[in-house]
N, C-alpha and C. Protein backbone atom coordinates (compact mmCIF):
# COMPACT_ATOMS: atom_id res chain seq x y z
N UNK A 1 23.50 24.80 5.12
CA UNK A 1 23.12 25.61 3.99
C UNK A 1 22.07 26.61 4.46
N UNK A 2 22.37 27.87 4.24
CA UNK A 2 21.48 28.95 4.68
C UNK A 2 21.00 29.74 3.47
N UNK A 3 19.73 30.16 3.45
CA UNK A 3 19.26 30.97 2.32
C UNK A 3 19.86 32.38 2.36
N UNK A 4 20.10 32.94 1.19
CA UNK A 4 20.56 34.32 1.06
C UNK A 4 19.33 35.20 1.04
N UNK A 5 19.32 36.24 1.85
CA UNK A 5 18.13 37.08 1.98
C UNK A 5 17.98 38.10 0.85
N UNK A 6 18.95 38.93 0.61
CA UNK A 6 18.86 40.00 -0.40
C UNK A 6 19.57 39.53 -1.66
N UNK A 7 18.88 38.75 -2.47
CA UNK A 7 19.52 38.08 -3.60
C UNK A 7 20.09 39.03 -4.65
N UNK A 8 19.31 39.99 -5.11
CA UNK A 8 19.81 40.87 -6.16
C UNK A 8 21.02 41.66 -5.67
N UNK A 9 20.99 42.12 -4.42
CA UNK A 9 22.14 42.82 -3.85
C UNK A 9 23.33 41.87 -3.76
N UNK A 10 23.08 40.63 -3.39
CA UNK A 10 24.16 39.65 -3.25
C UNK A 10 24.88 39.38 -4.56
N UNK A 11 24.17 39.48 -5.69
CA UNK A 11 24.83 39.28 -6.98
C UNK A 11 25.93 40.32 -7.20
N UNK A 12 25.75 41.53 -6.67
CA UNK A 12 26.77 42.57 -6.86
C UNK A 12 28.07 42.23 -6.14
N UNK A 13 28.01 41.34 -5.15
CA UNK A 13 29.22 40.93 -4.43
C UNK A 13 30.06 39.91 -5.20
N UNK A 14 29.59 39.47 -6.36
CA UNK A 14 30.31 38.43 -7.10
C UNK A 14 31.55 38.93 -7.82
N UNK A 15 31.73 40.24 -7.92
CA UNK A 15 32.94 40.77 -8.55
C UNK A 15 34.15 40.30 -7.75
N UNK A 16 35.12 39.74 -8.47
CA UNK A 16 36.37 39.20 -7.93
C UNK A 16 36.18 37.87 -7.19
N UNK A 17 35.04 37.21 -7.40
CA UNK A 17 34.81 35.90 -6.79
C UNK A 17 35.35 34.79 -7.68
N UNK A 18 35.93 33.79 -7.05
CA UNK A 18 36.39 32.60 -7.74
C UNK A 18 35.18 31.73 -8.07
N UNK A 19 35.05 31.34 -9.34
CA UNK A 19 33.99 30.42 -9.74
C UNK A 19 34.46 29.01 -9.44
N UNK A 20 33.69 28.30 -8.62
CA UNK A 20 34.06 26.93 -8.25
C UNK A 20 33.43 25.94 -9.22
N UNK A 21 32.16 26.14 -9.54
CA UNK A 21 31.47 25.22 -10.45
C UNK A 21 30.24 25.89 -11.02
N UNK A 22 29.73 25.32 -12.10
CA UNK A 22 28.45 25.75 -12.64
C UNK A 22 27.77 24.55 -13.25
N UNK A 23 26.45 24.65 -13.39
CA UNK A 23 25.69 23.58 -14.02
C UNK A 23 24.49 24.18 -14.74
N UNK A 24 24.33 23.82 -15.99
CA UNK A 24 23.14 24.18 -16.75
C UNK A 24 22.35 22.90 -16.95
N UNK A 25 21.11 22.90 -16.48
CA UNK A 25 20.26 21.73 -16.62
C UNK A 25 18.98 22.11 -17.35
N UNK A 26 18.89 21.74 -18.61
CA UNK A 26 17.66 21.99 -19.36
C UNK A 26 16.52 21.18 -18.79
N UNK A 27 16.83 20.01 -18.25
CA UNK A 27 15.82 19.16 -17.65
C UNK A 27 15.13 19.86 -16.50
N UNK A 28 15.90 20.56 -15.66
CA UNK A 28 15.33 21.30 -14.53
C UNK A 28 15.02 22.75 -14.90
N UNK A 29 15.52 23.21 -16.05
CA UNK A 29 15.31 24.60 -16.45
C UNK A 29 16.05 25.58 -15.57
N UNK A 30 17.24 25.16 -15.10
CA UNK A 30 17.97 26.00 -14.14
C UNK A 30 19.45 26.08 -14.49
N UNK A 31 20.04 27.20 -14.12
CA UNK A 31 21.49 27.40 -14.18
C UNK A 31 21.94 27.65 -12.75
N UNK A 32 22.91 26.86 -12.28
CA UNK A 32 23.42 26.98 -10.92
C UNK A 32 24.88 27.41 -10.97
N UNK A 33 25.21 28.43 -10.22
CA UNK A 33 26.57 28.97 -10.16
C UNK A 33 27.06 28.89 -8.72
N UNK A 34 28.23 28.28 -8.49
CA UNK A 34 28.81 28.16 -7.16
C UNK A 34 30.11 28.95 -7.13
N UNK A 35 30.24 29.82 -6.12
CA UNK A 35 31.41 30.69 -6.00
C UNK A 35 31.96 30.68 -4.58
N UNK A 36 33.20 31.14 -4.47
CA UNK A 36 33.81 31.45 -3.18
C UNK A 36 33.31 32.85 -2.84
N UNK A 37 32.47 32.95 -1.82
CA UNK A 37 31.70 34.16 -1.55
C UNK A 37 32.42 35.05 -0.54
N UNK A 38 32.49 36.35 -0.79
CA UNK A 38 33.26 37.24 0.09
C UNK A 38 32.55 37.59 1.41
N UNK A 39 31.24 37.42 1.48
CA UNK A 39 30.50 37.79 2.69
C UNK A 39 30.49 36.58 3.64
N UNK A 40 31.41 36.57 4.60
CA UNK A 40 31.59 35.41 5.46
C UNK A 40 30.75 35.47 6.73
N UNK A 41 30.26 34.32 7.13
CA UNK A 41 29.57 34.19 8.42
C UNK A 41 30.62 34.25 9.52
N UNK A 42 30.24 34.69 10.73
CA UNK A 42 31.20 34.70 11.84
C UNK A 42 31.78 33.30 12.06
N UNK A 43 33.10 33.22 12.11
CA UNK A 43 33.79 31.95 12.33
C UNK A 43 34.08 31.15 11.08
N UNK A 44 33.58 31.58 9.93
CA UNK A 44 33.77 30.84 8.69
C UNK A 44 35.14 31.15 8.10
N UNK A 45 35.87 30.11 7.71
CA UNK A 45 37.16 30.31 7.04
C UNK A 45 36.96 30.56 5.54
N UNK A 46 35.96 29.92 4.98
CA UNK A 46 35.62 30.11 3.57
C UNK A 46 34.11 29.96 3.46
N UNK A 47 33.49 30.91 2.76
CA UNK A 47 32.04 30.88 2.56
C UNK A 47 31.77 30.53 1.10
N UNK A 48 30.96 29.54 0.90
CA UNK A 48 30.55 29.14 -0.44
C UNK A 48 29.15 29.68 -0.68
N UNK A 49 28.86 30.08 -1.91
CA UNK A 49 27.51 30.52 -2.26
C UNK A 49 27.07 29.83 -3.54
N UNK A 50 25.80 29.46 -3.58
CA UNK A 50 25.19 28.89 -4.78
C UNK A 50 24.03 29.78 -5.18
N UNK A 51 24.01 30.18 -6.43
CA UNK A 51 22.92 30.96 -6.99
C UNK A 51 22.23 30.08 -8.03
N UNK A 52 20.93 29.86 -7.84
CA UNK A 52 20.15 29.02 -8.74
C UNK A 52 19.20 29.93 -9.51
N UNK A 53 19.43 30.03 -10.81
CA UNK A 53 18.61 30.84 -11.70
C UNK A 53 17.58 29.90 -12.34
N UNK A 54 16.32 29.99 -11.92
CA UNK A 54 15.28 29.12 -12.46
C UNK A 54 14.68 29.74 -13.72
N UNK A 55 14.13 28.87 -14.58
CA UNK A 55 13.58 29.29 -15.86
C UNK A 55 14.65 30.11 -16.61
N UNK A 56 15.84 29.51 -16.72
CA UNK A 56 17.03 30.24 -17.18
C UNK A 56 17.33 30.02 -18.66
N UNK A 57 17.84 31.08 -19.25
CA UNK A 57 18.40 31.06 -20.60
C UNK A 57 19.82 31.59 -20.46
N UNK A 58 20.81 30.85 -20.96
CA UNK A 58 22.22 31.22 -20.79
C UNK A 58 22.86 31.38 -22.16
N UNK A 59 23.58 32.51 -22.33
CA UNK A 59 24.26 32.79 -23.59
C UNK A 59 25.69 33.25 -23.31
N UNK A 60 26.57 32.91 -24.22
CA UNK A 60 27.95 33.43 -24.15
C UNK A 60 27.94 34.86 -24.67
N UNK A 61 28.81 35.70 -24.10
CA UNK A 61 28.90 37.10 -24.50
C UNK A 61 30.31 37.44 -24.98
N UNK A 62 30.38 38.45 -25.83
CA UNK A 62 31.65 39.02 -26.26
C UNK A 62 31.62 40.51 -25.91
N UNK A 63 32.75 41.11 -25.68
CA UNK A 63 32.84 42.50 -25.25
C UNK A 63 32.18 43.47 -26.22
N UNK A 64 32.12 43.11 -27.48
CA UNK A 64 31.51 44.02 -28.45
C UNK A 64 29.98 44.05 -28.33
N UNK A 65 29.43 43.33 -27.35
CA UNK A 65 28.00 43.40 -27.07
C UNK A 65 27.16 42.33 -27.74
N UNK A 66 27.75 41.54 -28.59
CA UNK A 66 26.95 40.52 -29.26
C UNK A 66 26.98 39.21 -28.47
N UNK A 67 25.92 38.44 -28.59
CA UNK A 67 25.91 37.10 -28.00
C UNK A 67 26.35 36.14 -29.09
N UNK A 68 27.14 35.17 -28.72
CA UNK A 68 27.66 34.27 -29.74
C UNK A 68 26.84 33.00 -29.86
N UNK A 69 26.32 32.51 -28.74
CA UNK A 69 25.54 31.28 -28.82
C UNK A 69 24.76 31.09 -27.54
N UNK A 70 23.61 30.47 -27.70
CA UNK A 70 22.83 30.09 -26.53
C UNK A 70 23.30 28.71 -26.10
N UNK A 71 23.49 28.52 -24.83
CA UNK A 71 23.91 27.22 -24.31
C UNK A 71 22.66 26.38 -24.06
N UNK A 72 22.70 25.12 -24.48
CA UNK A 72 21.56 24.22 -24.37
C UNK A 72 21.96 22.95 -23.64
N UNK A 73 20.96 22.17 -23.29
CA UNK A 73 21.19 20.83 -22.79
C UNK A 73 21.70 20.80 -21.37
N UNK A 74 22.55 19.83 -21.14
CA UNK A 74 23.11 19.62 -19.82
C UNK A 74 24.61 19.88 -19.89
N UNK A 75 25.12 20.75 -19.06
CA UNK A 75 26.56 20.94 -18.98
C UNK A 75 26.92 21.31 -17.55
N UNK A 76 28.06 20.85 -17.13
CA UNK A 76 28.54 21.21 -15.80
C UNK A 76 30.05 21.22 -15.85
N UNK A 77 30.63 21.98 -14.94
CA UNK A 77 32.07 22.09 -14.94
C UNK A 77 32.55 22.68 -13.63
N UNK A 78 33.81 22.44 -13.35
CA UNK A 78 34.52 23.23 -12.37
C UNK A 78 35.48 24.07 -13.18
N UNK A 79 35.44 25.38 -12.99
CA UNK A 79 36.23 26.28 -13.82
C UNK A 79 37.68 26.38 -13.41
N UNK A 80 37.98 26.05 -12.19
CA UNK A 80 39.36 26.04 -11.74
C UNK A 80 40.15 27.28 -12.06
N UNK A 81 39.88 28.37 -11.39
CA UNK A 81 40.68 29.57 -11.56
C UNK A 81 39.99 30.73 -12.22
N UNK A 82 38.81 30.53 -12.78
CA UNK A 82 38.09 31.65 -13.38
C UNK A 82 37.58 32.57 -12.27
N UNK A 83 37.73 33.85 -12.49
CA UNK A 83 37.28 34.85 -11.52
C UNK A 83 36.33 35.81 -12.23
N UNK A 84 35.20 36.08 -11.60
CA UNK A 84 34.24 37.02 -12.19
C UNK A 84 34.82 38.43 -12.06
N UNK A 85 34.97 39.11 -13.18
CA UNK A 85 35.58 40.44 -13.19
C UNK A 85 34.55 41.56 -13.06
N UNK A 86 33.39 41.38 -13.70
CA UNK A 86 32.36 42.42 -13.72
C UNK A 86 30.99 41.77 -13.65
N UNK A 87 30.09 42.41 -12.92
CA UNK A 87 28.70 41.95 -12.82
C UNK A 87 27.79 43.11 -13.23
N UNK A 88 26.85 42.83 -14.13
CA UNK A 88 25.86 43.83 -14.52
C UNK A 88 24.48 43.19 -14.38
N UNK A 89 23.55 43.93 -13.77
CA UNK A 89 22.20 43.41 -13.55
C UNK A 89 21.16 44.28 -14.23
N UNK A 90 20.12 43.63 -14.76
CA UNK A 90 19.05 44.32 -15.47
C UNK A 90 17.73 43.62 -15.17
N UNK A 91 16.64 44.32 -15.40
CA UNK A 91 15.31 43.72 -15.44
C UNK A 91 14.76 44.01 -16.82
N UNK A 92 14.24 42.98 -17.46
CA UNK A 92 13.78 43.13 -18.84
C UNK A 92 12.51 42.30 -19.02
N UNK A 93 11.40 42.96 -19.33
CA UNK A 93 10.13 42.28 -19.56
C UNK A 93 9.73 41.40 -18.37
N UNK A 94 9.96 41.89 -17.16
CA UNK A 94 9.58 41.16 -15.96
C UNK A 94 10.50 40.02 -15.58
N UNK A 95 11.61 39.88 -16.28
CA UNK A 95 12.58 38.82 -15.97
C UNK A 95 13.90 39.47 -15.57
N UNK A 96 14.64 38.79 -14.70
CA UNK A 96 15.97 39.27 -14.34
C UNK A 96 16.98 38.88 -15.39
N UNK A 97 18.01 39.68 -15.48
CA UNK A 97 19.12 39.35 -16.37
C UNK A 97 20.40 39.79 -15.69
N UNK A 98 21.40 38.92 -15.71
CA UNK A 98 22.70 39.25 -15.14
C UNK A 98 23.77 38.88 -16.16
N UNK A 99 24.75 39.78 -16.31
CA UNK A 99 25.93 39.51 -17.13
C UNK A 99 27.09 39.28 -16.18
N UNK A 100 27.78 38.19 -16.37
CA UNK A 100 28.96 37.85 -15.57
C UNK A 100 30.15 37.78 -16.51
N UNK A 101 31.04 38.75 -16.40
CA UNK A 101 32.22 38.83 -17.27
C UNK A 101 33.40 38.22 -16.51
N UNK A 102 34.07 37.24 -17.14
CA UNK A 102 35.20 36.58 -16.49
C UNK A 102 36.52 36.83 -17.21
N UNK A 103 36.50 37.67 -18.21
CA UNK A 103 37.73 38.15 -18.84
C UNK A 103 37.41 39.50 -19.48
N UNK A 104 38.41 40.11 -20.08
CA UNK A 104 38.17 41.41 -20.70
C UNK A 104 37.20 41.35 -21.87
N UNK A 105 37.11 40.18 -22.52
CA UNK A 105 36.28 40.12 -23.71
C UNK A 105 35.28 38.98 -23.76
N UNK A 106 35.04 38.30 -22.64
CA UNK A 106 34.11 37.18 -22.67
C UNK A 106 33.38 37.02 -21.34
N UNK A 107 32.17 36.52 -21.43
CA UNK A 107 31.37 36.28 -20.24
C UNK A 107 30.12 35.50 -20.60
N UNK A 108 29.19 35.45 -19.67
CA UNK A 108 27.91 34.82 -19.93
C UNK A 108 26.79 35.76 -19.50
N UNK A 109 25.65 35.57 -20.12
CA UNK A 109 24.45 36.31 -19.77
C UNK A 109 23.39 35.29 -19.35
N UNK A 110 22.79 35.50 -18.19
CA UNK A 110 21.74 34.61 -17.71
C UNK A 110 20.46 35.44 -17.59
N UNK A 111 19.44 35.03 -18.31
CA UNK A 111 18.11 35.63 -18.18
C UNK A 111 17.28 34.61 -17.42
N UNK A 112 16.54 35.05 -16.40
CA UNK A 112 15.88 34.09 -15.51
C UNK A 112 14.54 34.61 -15.02
N UNK A 113 13.71 33.65 -14.58
CA UNK A 113 12.42 33.98 -14.01
C UNK A 113 12.50 34.23 -12.51
N UNK A 114 13.12 33.33 -11.80
CA UNK A 114 13.30 33.48 -10.35
C UNK A 114 14.73 33.14 -9.97
N UNK A 115 15.14 33.64 -8.82
CA UNK A 115 16.50 33.44 -8.33
C UNK A 115 16.43 32.93 -6.90
N UNK A 116 17.21 31.91 -6.63
CA UNK A 116 17.37 31.39 -5.27
C UNK A 116 18.85 31.41 -4.94
N UNK A 117 19.20 31.62 -3.68
CA UNK A 117 20.60 31.64 -3.29
C UNK A 117 20.81 31.05 -1.91
N UNK A 118 21.97 30.41 -1.75
CA UNK A 118 22.30 29.75 -0.50
C UNK A 118 23.79 29.94 -0.20
N UNK A 119 24.13 29.97 1.07
CA UNK A 119 25.53 30.00 1.48
C UNK A 119 25.82 28.79 2.35
N UNK A 120 27.11 28.45 2.41
CA UNK A 120 27.57 27.38 3.29
C UNK A 120 28.88 27.84 3.92
N UNK A 121 28.82 28.06 5.23
CA UNK A 121 30.01 28.47 5.98
C UNK A 121 30.85 27.23 6.26
N UNK A 122 32.17 27.41 6.30
CA UNK A 122 33.03 26.24 6.48
C UNK A 122 34.25 26.54 7.34
N UNK A 123 34.80 25.45 7.82
CA UNK A 123 36.13 25.48 8.40
C UNK A 123 37.00 24.62 7.48
N UNK A 124 38.28 24.81 7.55
CA UNK A 124 39.18 24.04 6.69
C UNK A 124 40.43 23.67 7.50
N UNK A 125 40.92 22.49 7.22
CA UNK A 125 42.13 22.02 7.88
C UNK A 125 43.02 21.36 6.84
N UNK A 126 44.29 21.73 6.86
CA UNK A 126 45.22 21.12 5.92
C UNK A 126 45.65 19.77 6.46
N UNK A 127 45.48 18.75 5.63
CA UNK A 127 45.87 17.39 5.97
C UNK A 127 46.79 16.91 4.86
N UNK A 128 48.07 16.76 5.19
CA UNK A 128 49.04 16.43 4.16
C UNK A 128 49.13 17.58 3.18
N UNK A 129 48.95 17.29 1.90
CA UNK A 129 49.02 18.32 0.88
C UNK A 129 47.67 18.83 0.42
N UNK A 130 46.60 18.44 1.10
CA UNK A 130 45.28 18.89 0.67
C UNK A 130 44.49 19.48 1.84
N UNK A 131 43.35 20.09 1.52
CA UNK A 131 42.50 20.71 2.53
C UNK A 131 41.23 19.90 2.70
N UNK A 132 40.81 19.79 3.95
CA UNK A 132 39.55 19.12 4.29
C UNK A 132 38.58 20.21 4.75
N UNK A 133 37.43 20.29 4.06
CA UNK A 133 36.42 21.30 4.39
C UNK A 133 35.29 20.65 5.18
N UNK A 134 34.82 21.38 6.19
CA UNK A 134 33.69 20.93 7.01
C UNK A 134 32.69 22.06 7.14
N UNK A 135 31.43 21.68 7.14
CA UNK A 135 30.36 22.65 7.37
C UNK A 135 30.53 23.22 8.76
N UNK A 136 30.50 24.54 8.89
CA UNK A 136 30.72 25.21 10.16
C UNK A 136 29.67 24.81 11.20
N UNK A 137 28.42 24.60 10.78
CA UNK A 137 27.34 24.32 11.73
C UNK A 137 27.22 22.83 12.07
N UNK A 138 27.30 21.97 11.05
CA UNK A 138 27.06 20.54 11.27
C UNK A 138 28.34 19.74 11.49
N UNK A 139 29.48 20.26 11.03
CA UNK A 139 30.73 19.51 11.10
C UNK A 139 30.89 18.50 9.97
N UNK A 140 29.89 18.41 9.10
CA UNK A 140 29.92 17.46 7.99
C UNK A 140 31.03 17.82 7.01
N UNK A 141 31.84 16.82 6.63
CA UNK A 141 32.89 17.02 5.63
C UNK A 141 32.26 17.10 4.24
N UNK A 142 32.80 17.98 3.39
CA UNK A 142 32.30 18.07 2.02
C UNK A 142 33.44 18.39 1.08
N UNK A 143 33.19 18.17 -0.20
CA UNK A 143 34.17 18.37 -1.26
C UNK A 143 34.19 19.84 -1.68
N UNK A 144 35.36 20.44 -1.76
CA UNK A 144 35.51 21.83 -2.19
C UNK A 144 34.82 22.07 -3.52
N UNK A 145 34.96 21.15 -4.47
CA UNK A 145 34.40 21.30 -5.81
C UNK A 145 32.89 21.02 -5.86
N UNK A 146 32.31 20.58 -4.74
CA UNK A 146 30.90 20.19 -4.74
C UNK A 146 30.27 20.48 -3.36
N UNK A 147 30.26 21.76 -2.96
CA UNK A 147 29.78 22.09 -1.62
C UNK A 147 28.26 22.06 -1.45
N UNK A 148 27.51 21.95 -2.55
CA UNK A 148 26.04 21.94 -2.48
C UNK A 148 25.49 20.70 -3.18
N UNK A 149 25.67 19.52 -2.59
CA UNK A 149 25.24 18.30 -3.28
C UNK A 149 23.73 18.22 -3.52
N UNK A 150 22.93 18.93 -2.75
CA UNK A 150 21.48 18.87 -2.97
C UNK A 150 21.05 19.75 -4.15
N UNK A 151 21.94 20.62 -4.62
CA UNK A 151 21.59 21.54 -5.72
C UNK A 151 22.18 21.15 -7.06
N UNK A 152 23.25 20.36 -7.04
CA UNK A 152 23.95 20.03 -8.29
C UNK A 152 24.32 18.56 -8.31
N UNK A 153 24.46 18.03 -9.52
CA UNK A 153 24.97 16.68 -9.68
C UNK A 153 26.44 16.66 -9.29
N UNK A 154 26.96 15.50 -8.83
CA UNK A 154 28.39 15.45 -8.50
C UNK A 154 29.25 15.63 -9.73
N UNK A 155 30.49 16.17 -9.55
CA UNK A 155 31.37 16.35 -10.71
C UNK A 155 31.74 15.00 -11.31
N UNK A 156 31.92 14.99 -12.61
CA UNK A 156 32.34 13.78 -13.29
C UNK A 156 33.84 13.60 -13.12
N UNK A 157 34.28 12.34 -12.96
CA UNK A 157 35.74 12.11 -12.79
C UNK A 157 36.53 12.43 -14.03
């Protein structure tokens, strides 16, 4: 796991990225987004990125510009096929704000205090009908749906 250096610039690369998982933790005050990242390390077959929005407020958006609801509590998911279509970034009252649109008329808005980001380079090998992912640097095997176990809770069965 390597830190992302230019975080705000890196958010602009999320257009057309596959969303692998997300987690909203009110307990930690953070929203974590995991994507298939287009900026690959040399030798990486697939690059995973995790963006951790600390002191986060998350709301659903509609294309007409209104927010429909603020998301609360604890929620996590693997989106399985959702692709970020548009990314918009703002600064408002000293806080960052990013809109992530995943369809023509729906998305989420994350307002945050600080942003952290990490990548994980990988190799992959097809074994039978599935793929086995390994960290490019350590060789450690990891789950495609959970490439950052130190940042997120494991997916529920």
